[in-house]
Protein backbone atom coordinates (compact mmCIF):
# COMPACT_ATOMS: atom_id res chain seq x y z
CA MET A 1 33.26 -6.41 33.96
CA GLU A 2 32.08 -3.74 31.09
CA GLY A 3 28.98 -5.55 29.85
CA ILE A 4 27.37 -6.89 33.22
CA LEU A 5 24.46 -4.73 34.08
CA ARG A 6 24.04 -6.33 37.55
CA LEU A 7 19.77 -6.34 37.57
CA ALA A 8 17.63 -8.76 39.58
CA ILE A 9 14.23 -9.72 39.27
CA HIS A 10 11.96 -8.66 41.95
CA GLN A 11 10.06 -11.61 43.33
CA ASP A 12 6.62 -10.36 43.79
CA LYS A 13 6.45 -8.90 40.57
CA ILE A 14 7.04 -11.83 38.25
CA TYR A 15 5.02 -14.78 37.27
CA LEU A 16 5.49 -17.56 35.09
CA LYS A 17 2.71 -18.83 32.60
CA SER A 18 2.23 -21.66 30.06
CA VAL A 19 1.77 -21.02 26.83
CA ALA A 20 -1.39 -22.66 26.58
CA SER A 21 -2.84 -20.56 28.69
CA GLY A 22 -2.71 -17.61 26.32
CA ILE A 23 -1.27 -14.17 26.15
CA ASP A 24 -3.29 -11.27 26.96
CA PHE A 25 -2.37 -8.29 24.84
CA LEU A 26 -4.47 -5.76 23.46
CA GLY A 27 -8.01 -6.86 24.12
CA TRP A 28 -7.17 -10.30 22.77
CA VAL A 29 -6.37 -13.65 24.32
CA ASN A 30 -3.50 -14.78 21.83
CA PHE A 31 -2.94 -18.56 21.90
CA PRO A 32 -0.12 -20.49 19.29
CA HIS A 33 -2.83 -21.07 16.70
CA HIS A 34 -5.81 -18.66 17.30
CA ARG A 35 -6.85 -15.80 18.91
CA ILE A 36 -10.08 -14.95 21.05
CA LEU A 37 -11.89 -11.69 22.41
CA ARG A 38 -11.20 -10.93 26.07
CA ARG A 39 -14.19 -11.38 27.91
CA THR A 40 -14.31 -7.51 29.38
CA THR A 41 -13.82 -6.34 26.21
CA LYS A 42 -16.74 -8.42 24.73
CA HIS A 43 -18.79 -6.98 27.64
CA ARG A 44 -17.98 -3.52 26.81
CA MET A 45 -18.69 -3.91 23.49
CA PHE A 46 -22.23 -5.10 23.75
CA ARG A 47 -22.36 -2.32 26.17
CA ARG A 48 -21.48 0.62 23.74
CA LEU A 49 -23.46 -1.06 21.02
CA ARG A 50 -26.44 -0.96 23.55
CA GLN A 51 -25.83 2.68 24.21
CA HIS A 52 -25.16 3.79 20.57
CA PRO A 53 -27.20 1.89 18.31
CA GLN A 54 -25.91 3.50 14.87
CA GLU A 55 -24.49 1.55 11.70
CA SER A 56 -21.10 3.10 12.28
CA THR A 57 -20.71 1.47 15.64
CA LEU A 58 -21.79 -1.82 14.23
CA GLN A 59 -19.25 -1.86 11.32
CA THR A 60 -16.27 -0.79 13.96
CA TYR A 61 -16.87 -3.96 16.16
CA LEU A 62 -17.50 -6.27 13.27
CA GLY A 63 -14.05 -4.81 11.78
CA LEU A 64 -12.64 -5.44 14.98
CA LEU A 65 -14.14 -9.09 15.23
CA SER A 66 -12.69 -9.95 11.89
CA HIS A 67 -9.43 -10.40 13.33
CA GLY A 68 -9.95 -13.20 15.53
CA ALA A 69 -11.81 -16.46 16.13
CA THR A 70 -15.07 -14.72 16.94
CA HIS A 71 -17.77 -16.31 14.99
CA LYS A 72 -20.28 -17.11 17.82
CA VAL A 73 -19.63 -13.18 19.01
CA ARG A 74 -20.19 -12.10 15.42
CA GLN A 75 -23.41 -13.71 15.09
CA GLN A 76 -24.40 -12.39 18.71
CA VAL A 77 -23.56 -8.79 17.53
CA LEU A 78 -25.41 -9.46 14.69
CA ASN A 79 -28.59 -10.52 16.00
CA GLU A 80 -28.52 -7.78 18.42
CA SER A 81 -28.23 -5.19 15.78
CA TYR A 82 -31.43 -6.85 13.98
CA LEU A 83 -33.61 -5.73 16.89
CA TRP A 84 -32.59 -2.17 16.38
CA ASN A 85 -34.64 -2.48 13.15
CA VAL A 86 -37.68 -4.04 14.48
């Protein structure tokens, strides 16, 4: 009886999801073979880029985007940053 912890799972605090729906972790949704940026993270990124249109902010977010399948988002960021110079 020494190795038994006698723990119980709370019925209202657990839910089961399939791996195909992705796992949300640190601003990314991780799938078995790729990861995409979470929608709220993307909206926050674009809002901050508009508030602080600086080269350092742009490079920070381009570095973040290099860690996932974000080709279209990267193009949107670069297109928006192009408007700063006009």
